[in-house]
PDB file of N, CA and C in Angstrom:
ATOM      1  N   SER A   1     163.660-205.359  56.823  1.00  0.00           N
ATOM      2  CA  SER A   1     163.275-206.434  57.715  1.00  0.00           C
ATOM      3  C   SER A   1     161.803-206.322  58.047  1.00  0.00           C
ATOM      4  N   VAL A   2     161.203-207.449  58.258  1.00  0.00           N
ATOM      5  CA  VAL A   2     159.818-207.493  58.696  1.00  0.00           C
ATOM      6  C   VAL A   2     159.816-208.037  60.113  1.00  0.00           C
ATOM      7  N   ILE A   3     159.155-207.333  61.016  1.00  0.00           N
ATOM      8  CA  ILE A   3     159.060-207.769  62.401  1.00  0.00           C
ATOM      9  C   ILE A   3     157.724-208.466  62.595  1.00  0.00           C
ATOM     10  N   TYR A   4     157.785-209.697  63.072  1.00  0.00           N
ATOM     11  CA  TYR A   4     156.586-210.458  63.387  1.00  0.00           C
ATOM     12  C   TYR A   4     156.402-210.412  64.896  1.00  0.00           C
ATOM     13  N   SER A   5     155.204-210.113  65.343  1.00  0.00           N
ATOM     14  CA  SER A   5     154.974-209.976  66.766  1.00  0.00           C
ATOM     15  C   SER A   5     153.599-210.498  67.145  1.00  0.00           C
ATOM     16  N   ASP A   6     153.492-210.938  68.405  1.00  0.00           N
ATOM     17  CA  ASP A   6     152.159-211.188  68.922  1.00  0.00           C
ATOM     18  C   ASP A   6     151.623-209.841  69.412  1.00  0.00           C
ATOM     19  N   LEU A   7     150.469-209.801  69.955  1.00  0.00           N
ATOM     20  CA  LEU A   7     149.874-208.532  70.370  1.00  0.00           C
ATOM     21  C   LEU A   7     150.004-208.310  71.876  1.00  0.00           C
ATOM     22  N   TRP A   8     151.132-208.731  72.450  1.00  0.00           N
ATOM     23  CA  TRP A   8     151.378-208.544  73.866  1.00  0.00           C
ATOM     24  C   TRP A   8     151.361-207.054  74.169  1.00  0.00           C
ATOM     25  N   GLY A   9     150.748-206.659  75.271  1.00  0.00           N
ATOM     26  CA  GLY A   9     150.543-205.259  75.610  1.00  0.00           C
ATOM     27  C   GLY A   9     151.793-204.408  75.650  1.00  0.00           C
ATOM     28  N   VAL A  10     152.933-205.011  75.982  1.00  0.00           N
ATOM     29  CA  VAL A  10     154.176-204.248  76.069  1.00  0.00           C
ATOM     30  C   VAL A  10     154.574-203.651  74.713  1.00  0.00           C
ATOM     31  N   TYR A  11     154.055-204.211  73.618  1.00  0.00           N
ATOM     32  CA  TYR A  11     154.393-203.718  72.285  1.00  0.00           C
ATOM     33  C   TYR A  11     153.518-202.563  71.829  1.00  0.00           C
ATOM     34  N   ASN A  12     152.559-202.134  72.644  1.00  0.00           N
ATOM     35  CA  ASN A  12     151.719-200.998  72.265  1.00  0.00           C
ATOM     36  C   ASN A  12     152.597-199.793  71.958  1.00  0.00           C
ATOM     37  N   GLY A  13     152.275-199.101  70.894  1.00  0.00           N
ATOM     38  CA  GLY A  13     153.063-197.948  70.496  1.00  0.00           C
ATOM     39  C   GLY A  13     154.102-198.275  69.432  1.00  0.00           C
ATOM     40  N   PHE A  14     154.308-199.555  69.159  1.00  0.00           N
ATOM     41  CA  PHE A  14     155.265-199.967  68.140  1.00  0.00           C
ATOM     42  C   PHE A  14     154.572-200.297  66.823  1.00  0.00           C
ATOM     43  N   ASP A  15     153.315-199.891  66.685  1.00  0.00           N
ATOM     44  CA  ASP A  15     152.516-200.256  65.512  1.00  0.00           C
ATOM     45  C   ASP A  15     153.227-199.967  64.193  1.00  0.00           C
ATOM     46  N   ARG A  16     153.886-198.843  64.106  1.00  0.00           N
ATOM     47  CA  ARG A  16     154.523-198.475  62.831  1.00  0.00           C
ATOM     48  C   ARG A  16     155.757-199.319  62.545  1.00  0.00           C
ATOM     49  N   LEU A  17     156.348-199.934  63.578  1.00  0.00           N
ATOM     50  CA  LEU A  17     157.521-200.778  63.380  1.00  0.00           C
ATOM     51  C   LEU A  17     157.164-202.226  63.061  1.00  0.00           C
ATOM     52  N   LEU A  18     156.026-202.662  63.567  1.00  0.00           N
ATOM     53  CA  LEU A  18     155.655-204.068  63.420  1.00  0.00           C
ATOM     54  C   LEU A  18     155.202-204.357  62.001  1.00  0.00           C
ATOM     55  N   GLY A  19     155.783-205.373  61.404  1.00  0.00           N
ATOM     56  CA  GLY A  19     155.408-205.758  60.050  1.00  0.00           C
ATOM     57  C   GLY A  19     154.109-206.529  60.042  1.00  0.00           C
ATOM     58  N   GLN A  20     154.027-207.548  60.879  1.00  0.00           N
ATOM     59  CA  GLN A  20     152.827-208.364  60.946  1.00  0.00           C
ATOM     60  C   GLN A  20     152.639-208.813  62.377  1.00  0.00           C
ATOM     61  N   THR A  21     151.385-208.950  62.763  1.00  0.00           N
ATOM     62  CA  THR A  21     151.094-209.387  64.120  1.00  0.00           C
ATOM     63  C   THR A  21     150.211-210.626  64.097  1.00  0.00           C
ATOM     64  N   VAL A  22     150.274-211.352  65.189  1.00  0.00           N
ATOM     65  CA  VAL A  22     149.451-212.542  65.364  1.00  0.00           C
ATOM     66  C   VAL A  22     148.703-212.374  66.679  1.00  0.00           C
ATOM     67  N   ASN A  23     147.399-212.502  66.635  1.00  0.00           N
ATOM     68  CA  ASN A  23     146.589-212.392  67.838  1.00  0.00           C
ATOM     69  C   ASN A  23     146.421-213.785  68.432  1.00  0.00           C
ATOM     70  N   HIS A  24     147.168-214.081  69.495  1.00  0.00           N
ATOM     71  CA  HIS A  24     147.161-215.419  70.079  1.00  0.00           C
ATOM     72  C   HIS A  24     145.830-215.787  70.715  1.00  0.00           C
ATOM     73  N   SER A  25     144.980-214.813  70.967  1.00  0.00           N
ATOM     74  CA  SER A  25     143.674-215.169  71.523  1.00  0.00           C
ATOM     75  C   SER A  25     142.766-215.773  70.455  1.00  0.00           C
ATOM     76  N   HIS A  26     143.138-215.612  69.177  1.00  0.00           N
ATOM     77  CA  HIS A  26     142.364-216.198  68.075  1.00  0.00           C
ATOM     78  C   HIS A  26     143.073-217.402  67.459  1.00  0.00           C
ATOM     79  N   HIS A  27     144.392-217.304  67.236  1.00  0.00           N
ATOM     80  CA  HIS A  27     145.171-218.380  66.626  1.00  0.00           C
ATOM     81  C   HIS A  27     146.651-218.089  66.810  1.00  0.00           C
ATOM     82  N   PHE A  28     147.484-219.100  66.648  1.00  0.00           N
ATOM     83  CA  PHE A  28     148.924-218.911  66.824  1.00  0.00           C
ATOM     84  C   PHE A  28     149.651-218.667  65.503  1.00  0.00           C
ATOM     85  N   VAL A  29     149.004-218.963  64.400  1.00  0.00           N
ATOM     86  CA  VAL A  29     149.547-218.674  63.079  1.00  0.00           C
ATOM     87  C   VAL A  29     148.471-217.880  62.340  1.00  0.00           C
ATOM     88  N   ASP A  30     148.846-216.698  61.832  1.00  0.00           N
ATOM     89  CA  ASP A  30     147.880-215.891  61.094  1.00  0.00           C
ATOM     90  C   ASP A  30     147.403-216.665  59.878  1.00  0.00           C
ATOM     91  N   LEU A  31     146.101-216.819  59.753  1.00  0.00           N
ATOM     92  CA  LEU A  31     145.534-217.637  58.682  1.00  0.00           C
ATOM     93  C   LEU A  31     145.746-217.038  57.294  1.00  0.00           C
ATOM     94  N   VAL A  32     145.893-215.730  57.222  1.00  0.00           N
ATOM     95  CA  VAL A  32     146.055-215.064  55.919  1.00  0.00           C
ATOM     96  C   VAL A  32     147.528-214.979  55.524  1.00  0.00           C
ATOM     97  N   THR A  33     148.370-214.480  56.439  1.00  0.00           N
ATOM     98  CA  THR A  33     149.775-214.221  56.090  1.00  0.00           C
ATOM     99  C   THR A  33     150.715-215.370  56.455  1.00  0.00           C
ATOM    100  N   GLY A  34     150.285-216.222  57.377  1.00  0.00           N
ATOM    101  CA  GLY A  34     151.160-217.291  57.841  1.00  0.00           C
ATOM    102  C   GLY A  34     152.152-216.830  58.893  1.00  0.00           C
ATOM    103  N   ALA A  35     152.061-215.561  59.314  1.00  0.00           N
ATOM    104  CA  ALA A  35     152.975-215.020  60.322  1.00  0.00           C
ATOM    105  C   ALA A  35     152.796-215.756  61.646  1.00  0.00           C
ATOM    106  N   HIS A  36     153.902-216.000  62.336  1.00  0.00           N
ATOM    107  CA  HIS A  36     153.861-216.637  63.651  1.00  0.00           C
ATOM    108  C   HIS A  36     155.085-216.216  64.453  1.00  0.00           C
ATOM    109  N   THR A  37     155.036-216.470  65.745  1.00  0.00           N
ATOM    110  CA  THR A  37     156.166-216.115  66.607  1.00  0.00           C
ATOM    111  C   THR A  37     156.774-217.349  67.267  1.00  0.00           C
ATOM    112  N   GLN A  38     156.384-218.538  66.851  1.00  0.00           N
ATOM    113  CA  GLN A  38     156.865-219.757  67.491  1.00  0.00           C
ATOM    114  C   GLN A  38     158.380-219.927  67.406  1.00  0.00           C
ATOM    115  N   SER A  39     158.997-219.565  66.285  1.00  0.00           N
ATOM    116  CA  SER A  39     160.447-219.757  66.135  1.00  0.00           C
ATOM    117  C   SER A  39     161.222-218.954  67.173  1.00  0.00           C
ATOM    118  N   VAL A  40     160.857-217.691  67.348  1.00  0.00           N
ATOM    119  CA  VAL A  40     161.543-216.841  68.320  1.00  0.00           C
ATOM    120  C   VAL A  40     161.289-217.345  69.729  1.00  0.00           C
ATOM    121  N   GLU A  41     160.039-217.700  70.012  1.00  0.00           N
ATOM    122  CA  GLU A  41     159.708-218.192  71.339  1.00  0.00           C
ATOM    123  C   GLU A  41     160.432-219.503  71.635  1.00  0.00           C
ATOM    124  N   SER A  42     160.589-220.348  70.638  1.00  0.00           N
ATOM    125  CA  SER A  42     161.310-221.608  70.804  1.00  0.00           C
ATOM    126  C   SER A  42     162.789-221.353  71.110  1.00  0.00           C
ATOM    127  N   MET A  43     163.411-220.439  70.374  1.00  0.00           N
ATOM    128  CA  MET A  43     164.831-220.127  70.607  1.00  0.00           C
ATOM    129  C   MET A  43     165.028-219.563  72.010  1.00  0.00           C
ATOM    130  N   ARG A  44     164.133-218.688  72.431  1.00  0.00           N
ATOM    131  CA  ARG A  44     164.230-218.108  73.771  1.00  0.00           C
ATOM    132  C   ARG A  44     164.109-219.211  74.823  1.00  0.00           C
ATOM    133  N   SER A  45     163.192-220.129  74.614  1.00  0.00           N
ATOM    134  CA  SER A  45     163.004-221.239  75.538  1.00  0.00           C
ATOM    135  C   SER A  45     164.254-222.122  75.596  1.00  0.00           C
ATOM    136  N   GLN A  46     164.855-222.416  74.437  1.00  0.00           N
ATOM    137  CA  GLN A  46     166.077-223.224  74.402  1.00  0.00           C
ATOM    138  C   GLN A  46     167.230-222.534  75.121  1.00  0.00           C
ATOM    139  N   CYS A  47     167.320-221.227  74.941  1.00  0.00           N
ATOM    140  CA  CYS A  47     168.381-220.457  75.597  1.00  0.00           C
ATOM    141  C   CYS A  47     168.191-220.485  77.109  1.00  0.00           C
ATOM    142  N   LYS A  48     166.964-220.287  77.565  1.00  0.00           N
ATOM    143  CA  LYS A  48     166.693-220.331  78.996  1.00  0.00           C
ATOM    144  C   LYS A  48     166.985-221.716  79.575  1.00  0.00           C
ATOM    145  N   GLU A  49     166.694-222.765  78.803  1.00  0.00           N
ATOM    146  CA  GLU A  49     166.982-224.130  79.244  1.00  0.00           C
ATOM    147  C   GLU A  49     168.491-224.339  79.395  1.00  0.00           C
ATOM    148  N   MET A  50     169.279-223.829  78.449  1.00  0.00           N
ATOM    149  CA  MET A  50     170.732-223.922  78.548  1.00  0.00           C
ATOM    150  C   MET A  50     171.214-223.204  79.820  1.00  0.00           C
ATOM    151  N   MET A  51     170.636-222.043  80.085  1.00  0.00           N
ATOM    152  CA  MET A  51     171.022-221.291  81.276  1.00  0.00           C
ATOM    153  C   MET A  51     170.690-222.082  82.542  1.00  0.00           C
ATOM    154  N   ARG A  52     169.530-222.729  82.569  1.00  0.00           N
ATOM    155  CA  ARG A  52     169.143-223.532  83.737  1.00  0.00           C
ATOM    156  C   ARG A  52     170.097-224.710  83.936  1.00  0.00           C
ATOM    157  N   LYS A  53     170.474-225.358  82.828  1.00  0.00           N
ATOM    158  CA  LYS A  53     171.367-226.520  82.920  1.00  0.00           C
ATOM    159  C   LYS A  53     172.740-226.140  83.436  1.00  0.00           C
ATOM    160  N   THR A  54     173.188-224.945  83.114  1.00  0.00           N
ATOM    161  CA  THR A  54     174.513-224.502  83.562  1.00  0.00           C
ATOM    162  C   THR A  54     174.411-223.688  84.849  1.00  0.00           C
ATOM    163  N   GLN A  55     173.221-223.634  85.414  1.00  0.00           N
ATOM    164  CA  GLN A  55     172.953-222.919  86.660  1.00  0.00           C
ATOM    165  C   GLN A  55     173.330-221.452  86.587  1.00  0.00           C
ATOM    166  N   THR A  56     173.148-220.870  85.423  1.00  0.00           N
ATOM    167  CA  THR A  56     173.379-219.438  85.250  1.00  0.00           C
ATOM    168  C   THR A  56     172.038-218.796  84.924  1.00  0.00           C
ATOM    169  N   THR A  57     171.321-218.420  85.957  1.00  0.00           N
ATOM    170  CA  THR A  57     169.959-217.954  85.754  1.00  0.00           C
ATOM    171  C   THR A  57     169.745-216.512  86.195  1.00  0.00           C
ATOM    172  N   HIS A  58     170.767-215.722  86.153  1.00  0.00           N
ATOM    173  CA  HIS A  58     170.623-214.314  86.505  1.00  0.00           C
ATOM    174  C   HIS A  58     170.023-213.575  85.305  1.00  0.00           C
ATOM    175  N   SER A  59     168.748-213.254  85.397  1.00  0.00           N
ATOM    176  CA  SER A  59     168.051-212.677  84.236  1.00  0.00           C
ATOM    177  C   SER A  59     168.668-211.353  83.792  1.00  0.00           C
ATOM    178  N   HIS A  60     169.256-210.601  84.709  1.00  0.00           N
ATOM    179  CA  HIS A  60     169.867-209.324  84.322  1.00  0.00           C
ATOM    180  C   HIS A  60     171.124-209.532  83.467  1.00  0.00           C
ATOM    181  N   LEU A  61     171.647-210.755  83.429  1.00  0.00           N
ATOM    182  CA  LEU A  61     172.824-211.061  82.609  1.00  0.00           C
ATOM    183  C   LEU A  61     172.465-211.832  81.338  1.00  0.00           C
ATOM    184  N   PHE A  62     171.179-211.897  81.042  1.00  0.00           N
ATOM    185  CA  PHE A  62     170.712-212.686  79.898  1.00  0.00           C
ATOM    186  C   PHE A  62     171.475-212.350  78.616  1.00  0.00           C
ATOM    187  N   LEU A  63     171.693-211.070  78.350  1.00  0.00           N
ATOM    188  CA  LEU A  63     172.366-210.677  77.108  1.00  0.00           C
ATOM    189  C   LEU A  63     173.821-211.130  77.064  1.00  0.00           C
ATOM    190  N   THR A  64     174.429-211.411  78.210  1.00  0.00           N
ATOM    191  CA  THR A  64     175.793-211.936  78.192  1.00  0.00           C
ATOM    192  C   THR A  64     175.798-213.432  77.925  1.00  0.00           C
ATOM    193  N   TYR A  65     174.691-214.124  78.222  1.00  0.00           N
ATOM    194  CA  TYR A  65     174.593-215.550  77.953  1.00  0.00           C
ATOM    195  C   TYR A  65     174.185-215.829  76.514  1.00  0.00           C
ATOM    196  N   LEU A  66     173.551-214.862  75.894  1.00  0.00           N
ATOM    197  CA  LEU A  66     173.028-215.056  74.543  1.00  0.00           C
ATOM    198  C   LEU A  66     174.115-215.416  73.529  1.00  0.00           C
ATOM    199  N   PRO A  67     175.276-214.743  73.505  1.00  0.00           N
ATOM    200  CA  PRO A  67     176.318-215.140  72.548  1.00  0.00           C
ATOM    201  C   PRO A  67     176.782-216.585  72.736  1.00  0.00           C
ATOM    202  N   LYS A  68     176.877-217.034  73.990  1.00  0.00           N
ATOM    203  CA  LYS A  68     177.269-218.424  74.251  1.00  0.00           C
ATOM    204  C   LYS A  68     176.235-219.379  73.663  1.00  0.00           C
ATOM    205  N   PHE A  69     174.966-219.074  73.870  1.00  0.00           N
ATOM    206  CA  PHE A  69     173.901-219.908  73.320  1.00  0.00           C
ATOM    207  C   PHE A  69     173.986-219.945  71.802  1.00  0.00           C
ATOM    208  N   MET A  70     174.169-218.781  71.195  1.00  0.00           N
ATOM    209  CA  MET A  70     174.234-218.711  69.729  1.00  0.00           C
ATOM    210  C   MET A  70     175.429-219.505  69.214  1.00  0.00           C
ATOM    211  N   TRP A  71     176.566-219.384  69.884  1.00  0.00           N
ATOM    212  CA  TRP A  71     177.759-220.127  69.461  1.00  0.00           C
ATOM    213  C   TRP A  71     177.495-221.624  69.532  1.00  0.00           C
ATOM    214  N   LYS A  72     176.927-222.084  70.649  1.00  0.00           N
ATOM    215  CA  LYS A  72     176.660-223.508  70.802  1.00  0.00           C
ATOM    216  C   LYS A  72     175.625-223.986  69.786  1.00  0.00           C
ATOM    217  N   LYS A  73     174.663-223.146  69.478  1.00  0.00           N
ATOM    218  CA  LYS A  73     173.601-223.532  68.545  1.00  0.00           C
ATOM    219  C   LYS A  73     174.126-223.620  67.113  1.00  0.00           C
ATOM    220  N   VAL A  74     174.938-222.674  66.723  1.00  0.00           N
ATOM    221  CA  VAL A  74     175.365-222.577  65.323  1.00  0.00           C
ATOM    222  C   VAL A  74     176.686-223.293  65.055  1.00  0.00           C
ATOM    223  N   ILE A  75     177.662-223.125  65.927  1.00  0.00           N
ATOM    224  CA  ILE A  75     179.006-223.604  65.642  1.00  0.00           C
ATOM    225  C   ILE A  75     179.337-224.907  66.370  1.00  0.00           C
ATOM    226  N   ASP A  76     178.898-225.040  67.596  1.00  0.00           N
ATOM    227  CA  ASP A  76     179.326-226.175  68.413  1.00  0.00           C
ATOM    228  C   ASP A  76     178.221-227.207  68.620  1.00  0.00           C
ATOM    229  N   SER A  77     177.351-227.354  67.642  1.00  0.00           N
ATOM    230  CA  SER A  77     176.316-228.377  67.772  1.00  0.00           C
ATOM    231  C   SER A  77     176.959-229.750  67.583  1.00  0.00           C
ATOM    232  N   PRO A  78     176.332-230.804  68.088  1.00  0.00           N
ATOM    233  CA  PRO A  78     176.958-232.134  68.052  1.00  0.00           C
ATOM    234  C   PRO A  78     177.343-232.638  66.660  1.00  0.00           C
ATOM    235  N   HIS A  79     176.618-232.240  65.636  1.00  0.00           N
ATOM    236  CA  HIS A  79     176.902-232.748  64.291  1.00  0.00           C
ATOM    237  C   HIS A  79     177.839-231.843  63.492  1.00  0.00           C
ATOM    238  N   ARG A  80     178.472-230.885  64.164  1.00  0.00           N
ATOM    239  CA  ARG A  80     179.395-229.980  63.474  1.00  0.00           C
ATOM    240  C   ARG A  80     180.751-230.009  64.158  1.00  0.00           C
ATOM    241  N   ASN A  81     181.764-229.651  63.416  1.00  0.00           N
ATOM    242  CA  ASN A  81     183.112-229.580  63.958  1.00  0.00           C
ATOM    243  C   ASN A  81     183.391-228.126  64.336  1.00  0.00           C
ATOM    244  N   ALA A  82     183.368-227.828  65.634  1.00  0.00           N
ATOM    245  CA  ALA A  82     183.506-226.456  66.104  1.00  0.00           C
ATOM    246  C   ALA A  82     184.807-225.811  65.641  1.00  0.00           C
ATOM    247  N   PHE A  83     185.910-226.537  65.731  1.00  0.00           N
ATOM    248  CA  PHE A  83     187.203-225.970  65.348  1.00  0.00           C
ATOM    249  C   PHE A  83     187.194-225.546  63.879  1.00  0.00           C
ATOM    250  N   ASN A  84     186.749-226.444  62.990  1.00  0.00           N
ATOM    251  CA  ASN A  84     186.710-226.106  61.561  1.00  0.00           C
ATOM    252  C   ASN A  84     185.775-224.936  61.294  1.00  0.00           C
ATOM    253  N   ASN A  85     184.654-224.871  62.000  1.00  0.00           N
ATOM    254  CA  ASN A  85     183.728-223.759  61.810  1.00  0.00           C
ATOM    255  C   ASN A  85     184.330-222.431  62.254  1.00  0.00           C
ATOM    256  N   ILE A  86     185.068-222.449  63.337  1.00  0.00           N
ATOM    257  CA  ILE A  86     185.720-221.214  63.792  1.00  0.00           C
ATOM    258  C   ILE A  86     186.761-220.759  62.776  1.00  0.00           C
ATOM    259  N   ILE A  87     187.585-221.684  62.312  1.00  0.00           N
ATOM    260  CA  ILE A  87     188.612-221.330  61.320  1.00  0.00           C
ATOM    261  C   ILE A  87     187.948-220.804  60.044  1.00  0.00           C
ATOM    262  N   SER A  88     186.899-221.449  59.600  1.00  0.00           N
ATOM    263  CA  SER A  88     186.181-220.992  58.395  1.00  0.00           C
ATOM    264  C   SER A  88     185.617-219.591  58.591  1.00  0.00           C
ATOM    265  N   SER A  89     185.071-219.325  59.772  1.00  0.00           N
ATOM    266  CA  SER A  89     184.524-217.998  60.054  1.00  0.00           C
ATOM    267  C   SER A  89     185.608-216.930  60.066  1.00  0.00           C
ATOM    268  N   ILE A  90     186.774-217.266  60.629  1.00  0.00           N
ATOM    269  CA  ILE A  90     187.890-216.317  60.648  1.00  0.00           C
ATOM    270  C   ILE A  90     188.355-216.019  59.227  1.00  0.00           C
ATOM    271  N   VAL A  91     188.490-217.059  58.420  1.00  0.00           N
ATOM    272  CA  VAL A  91     188.936-216.894  57.032  1.00  0.00           C
ATOM    273  C   VAL A  91     187.925-216.043  56.254  1.00  0.00           C
ATOM    274  N   GLU A  92     186.650-216.270  56.510  1.00  0.00           N
ATOM    275  CA  GLU A  92     185.606-215.503  55.812  1.00  0.00           C
ATOM    276  C   GLU A  92     185.650-214.033  56.210  1.00  0.00           C
ATOM    277  N   GLN A  93     185.856-213.755  57.502  1.00  0.00           N
ATOM    278  CA  GLN A  93     185.885-212.374  57.978  1.00  0.00           C
ATOM    279  C   GLN A  93     187.197-211.664  57.626  1.00  0.00           C
ATOM    280  N   TYR A  94     188.294-212.414  57.612  1.00  0.00           N
ATOM    281  CA  TYR A  94     189.611-211.824  57.382  1.00  0.00           C
ATOM    282  C   TYR A  94     190.328-212.601  56.272  1.00  0.00           C
ATOM    283  N   PRO A  95     189.874-212.453  55.030  1.00  0.00           N
ATOM    284  CA  PRO A  95     190.486-213.222  53.937  1.00  0.00           C
ATOM    285  C   PRO A  95     191.952-212.825  53.719  1.00  0.00           C
ATOM    286  N   LEU A  96     192.734-213.812  53.305  1.00  0.00           N
ATOM    287  CA  LEU A  96     194.127-213.538  52.977  1.00  0.00           C
ATOM    288  C   LEU A  96     194.183-212.718  51.704  1.00  0.00           C
ATOM    289  N   ILE A  97     195.043-211.747  51.701  1.00  0.00           N
ATOM    290  CA  ILE A  97     195.135-210.865  50.534  1.00  0.00           C
ATOM    291  C   ILE A  97     196.246-211.329  49.631  1.00  0.00           C
TER     292      ILE A  97
END
């Protein structure tokens, strides 16, 4: 895996783990590698918005809300059939022998 990161101070010391970094004080997309962090930041923003809409904003419980967000994003989106997706996922994980 390659980890893309901005140069936020909290990441100091993770240099050997970071695959590519983007210095937001210069640009938001690295001009050479094309690395960016917008996708992750967008997903985090969408998740926080879902939490605000459902009035569940306890930041210490964020990791418990994350699976719900992921389920709604991937399986229960308006243009997908949640029931069929769940059954398909079960069949994929536990194939009939």
